[in-house]
Amino acid sequence: MITIIAGSNRKDNETRRFAQYYFEFLKSKTDQTVKLLDLSEIEHDWFHSSMYAEKEQTSSLTNIQDEFMIPAEKFIFLISEYNGSFPGVVKLFIDACSIRAYTETYGGKKAALVGIASGRAGNLRGMDHLSDILNHLGTVIFPNKLPISTIEKLMNEEREIVDKVTLKAIESQIVKFLDF
């Protein structure tokens, strides 16, 4: 199973649009189960002062972890650039999922990273930060990280991704990640 994580909790975010493209293209290229986890659409009731005690974890987080994280062999993290890194909700989510079933959630799994930014660098720094964290957790990072920059110029008025060079880069990353 492959889980795509749209890493923003901002409503109607552009990262979700790119994650949806990844989801649709990936489903057309593999018979594996592919799931999309949008951090802007999940309950955030697991964020509380005692979230680091396994017995205090909410059933909503346990259900997400059991459905999207533990059964996955691979992850694709699409992360928006927030303040020169990735969104805090992504780190918080990773931390929360590391309390219960740490090894089953992250150990030996593979992850591709995609940076989404309105600026020029495509969240390169954020992908490096996330790589360090995931490596620490025992996740192997796919070396072809994809920075996607100036996203407003890559979409049409309906907010569909239309830039052919970007679409080709996304599709190439996905095909290579399937063989990773």
Protein backbone atom coordinates (compact mmCIF):
# COMPACT_ATOMS: atom_id res chain seq x y z
CA MET A 1 0.00 0.00 0.00
CA ILE A 2 1.10 3.55 -0.75
CA THR A 3 -0.13 6.46 1.35
CA ILE A 4 0.00 9.97 -0.06
CA ILE A 5 0.04 12.63 2.65
CA ALA A 6 -1.14 16.14 1.78
CA GLY A 7 0.84 18.01 4.41
CA SER A 8 -1.10 21.15 5.22
CA ASN A 9 -3.96 21.84 7.58
CA ARG A 10 -4.97 25.02 5.78
CA LYS A 11 -8.41 24.65 4.21
CA ASP A 12 -8.55 24.64 0.40
CA ASN A 13 -4.75 24.45 0.15
CA GLU A 14 -2.83 24.02 -3.08
CA THR A 15 -0.88 21.07 -1.70
CA ARG A 16 -4.11 19.07 -1.81
CA ARG A 17 -4.47 19.81 -5.53
CA PHE A 18 -1.01 18.39 -6.21
CA ALA A 19 -1.66 15.42 -3.90
CA GLN A 20 -4.85 14.66 -5.83
CA TYR A 21 -2.88 14.60 -9.08
CA TYR A 22 -0.35 12.23 -7.49
CA PHE A 23 -3.21 10.03 -6.29
CA GLU A 24 -4.91 9.80 -9.67
CA PHE A 25 -1.72 9.25 -11.64
CA LEU A 26 -0.38 6.69 -9.17
CA LYS A 27 -3.64 4.71 -9.26
CA SER A 28 -3.32 4.52 -13.04
CA LYS A 29 0.21 3.09 -12.77
CA THR A 30 -0.10 0.42 -10.07
CA ASP A 31 -2.37 -2.32 -8.83
CA GLN A 32 -1.30 -1.56 -5.25
CA THR A 33 -3.75 0.09 -2.91
CA VAL A 34 -3.22 3.87 -2.91
CA LYS A 35 -4.72 6.08 -0.22
CA LEU A 36 -4.75 9.85 0.16
CA LEU A 37 -4.55 11.33 3.65
CA ASP A 38 -5.28 15.05 3.67
CA LEU A 39 -4.20 16.60 6.97
CA SER A 40 -6.65 19.47 6.42
CA GLU A 41 -9.60 17.06 6.51
CA ILE A 42 -8.84 14.96 9.57
CA GLU A 43 -9.93 15.58 13.13
CA HIS A 44 -7.27 17.30 15.19
CA ASP A 45 -8.60 16.15 18.55
CA TRP A 46 -5.34 14.26 19.15
CA PHE A 47 -3.43 17.51 19.67
CA HIS A 48 -3.48 18.02 23.42
CA SER A 49 -0.99 18.26 26.28
CA SER A 50 -1.04 14.53 27.07
CA MET A 51 -0.86 13.31 23.46
CA TYR A 52 2.52 11.70 24.17
CA ALA A 53 1.00 9.12 26.51
CA GLU A 54 -0.18 6.09 24.53
CA LYS A 55 -3.21 5.62 26.77
CA GLU A 56 -4.29 9.22 26.10
CA GLN A 57 -4.31 8.92 22.33
CA THR A 58 -7.66 9.51 20.68
CA SER A 59 -9.48 6.90 18.67
CA SER A 60 -9.43 9.22 15.65
CA LEU A 61 -5.62 9.15 15.58
CA THR A 62 -5.50 5.40 16.21
CA ASN A 63 -7.91 4.84 13.32
CA ILE A 64 -5.84 7.04 10.98
CA GLN A 65 -2.65 5.28 12.00
CA ASP A 66 -4.23 1.84 11.51
CA GLU A 67 -5.74 2.71 8.11
CA PHE A 68 -3.12 4.94 6.48
CA MET A 69 0.23 4.57 8.23
CA ILE A 70 0.86 1.07 9.56
CA PRO A 71 -0.25 -0.88 6.45
CA ALA A 72 1.66 1.39 4.07
CA GLU A 73 4.91 0.17 2.57
CA LYS A 74 5.58 3.55 1.00
CA PHE A 75 4.65 7.17 1.67
CA ILE A 76 4.58 10.22 -0.56
CA PHE A 77 4.73 13.41 1.50
CA LEU A 78 3.65 16.57 -0.27
CA ILE A 79 4.64 19.44 1.97
CA SER A 80 3.85 23.11 1.64
CA GLU A 81 6.50 25.64 2.47
CA TYR A 82 5.66 27.44 5.71
CA ASN A 83 8.24 29.83 7.14
CA GLY A 84 11.19 28.21 5.38
CA SER A 85 10.29 24.62 6.29
CA PHE A 86 7.29 22.31 6.31
CA PRO A 87 4.00 22.84 8.19
CA GLY A 88 3.97 22.15 11.90
CA VAL A 89 0.94 19.89 11.49
CA VAL A 90 3.15 17.41 9.62
CA LYS A 91 5.68 17.25 12.47
CA LEU A 92 2.91 17.04 15.02
CA PHE A 93 1.25 14.22 13.08
CA ILE A 94 4.54 12.32 12.79
CA ASP A 95 5.17 12.77 16.51
CA ALA A 96 1.66 11.60 17.44
CA CYS A 97 2.00 8.48 15.27
CA SER A 98 5.35 7.63 16.85
CA ILE A 99 3.83 7.00 20.30
CA ARG A 100 2.00 3.78 19.43
CA ALA A 101 3.47 1.19 17.04
CA TYR A 102 6.60 3.25 16.33
CA THR A 103 8.46 0.63 14.30
CA GLU A 104 5.35 -0.61 12.49
CA THR A 105 4.52 2.93 11.45
CA TYR A 106 7.91 4.09 10.14
CA GLY A 107 10.58 1.39 10.31
CA GLY A 108 11.99 0.20 6.99
CA LYS A 109 9.37 1.99 4.93
CA LYS A 110 10.15 4.18 1.94
CA ALA A 111 9.15 7.79 1.37
CA ALA A 112 9.19 10.19 -1.55
CA LEU A 113 9.15 13.91 -0.81
CA VAL A 114 7.57 16.72 -2.80
CA GLY A 115 7.97 20.36 -1.87
CA ILE A 116 5.17 22.76 -2.83
CA ALA A 117 5.92 26.47 -2.79
CA SER A 118 4.81 29.75 -4.26
CA GLY A 119 8.44 30.88 -4.00
CA ARG A 120 11.46 29.90 -6.06
CA ALA A 121 13.05 27.03 -4.14
CA GLY A 122 10.17 24.54 -4.01
CA ASN A 123 10.59 24.00 -0.27
CA LEU A 124 14.05 22.44 -0.60
CA ARG A 125 14.87 23.29 3.01
CA GLY A 126 11.61 21.79 4.26
CA MET A 127 12.26 18.56 2.36
CA ASP A 128 15.72 18.38 3.95
CA HIS A 129 14.22 18.92 7.41
CA LEU A 130 11.60 16.23 6.82
CA SER A 131 14.25 13.84 5.42
CA ASP A 132 16.25 14.15 8.63
CA ILE A 133 13.22 13.38 10.77
CA LEU A 134 12.04 10.43 8.69
CA ASN A 135 15.58 9.00 8.54
CA HIS A 136 15.73 9.18 12.32
CA LEU A 137 12.49 7.17 12.46
CA GLY A 138 13.96 4.48 10.19
CA THR A 139 12.27 5.49 6.94
CA VAL A 140 14.33 5.31 3.76
CA ILE A 141 14.09 8.45 1.61
CA PHE A 142 13.77 8.21 -2.17
CA PRO A 143 16.67 10.29 -3.53
CA ASN A 144 14.60 12.02 -6.23
CA LYS A 145 13.02 14.77 -4.12
CA LEU A 146 10.85 17.03 -6.24
CA PRO A 147 10.74 20.77 -5.51
CA ILE A 148 7.73 22.39 -7.20
CA SER A 149 8.12 26.16 -7.29
CA THR A 150 5.99 29.15 -8.26
CA ILE A 151 2.88 26.99 -8.19
CA GLU A 152 0.53 29.81 -9.20
CA LYS A 153 2.19 29.84 -12.62
CA LEU A 154 1.69 26.09 -13.06
CA MET A 155 -2.10 26.12 -12.79
CA ASN A 156 -4.92 27.50 -14.90
CA GLU A 157 -7.81 29.64 -13.64
CA GLU A 158 -9.68 26.50 -12.49
CA ARG A 159 -6.63 25.67 -10.31
CA GLU A 160 -5.74 22.60 -12.40
CA ILE A 161 -2.08 21.77 -12.91
CA VAL A 162 -1.40 22.39 -16.58
CA ASP A 163 2.34 23.04 -16.82
CA LYS A 164 3.66 20.22 -19.01
CA VAL A 165 7.20 20.26 -17.60
CA THR A 166 5.88 19.95 -14.04
CA LEU A 167 3.46 17.18 -14.97
CA LYS A 168 6.28 15.29 -16.68
CA ALA A 169 8.53 15.69 -13.60
CA ILE A 170 5.74 14.44 -11.31
CA GLU A 171 5.02 11.45 -13.53
CA SER A 172 8.72 10.59 -13.78
CA GLN A 173 9.11 10.74 -10.00
CA ILE A 174 6.12 8.45 -9.49
CA VAL A 175 7.26 5.85 -12.04
CA LYS A 176 10.74 5.71 -10.52
CA PHE A 177 9.34 5.60 -6.98
CA LEU A 178 7.27 2.55 -7.85
CA ASP A 179 10.52 0.72 -8.65
CA PHE A 180 12.29 1.99 -5.52
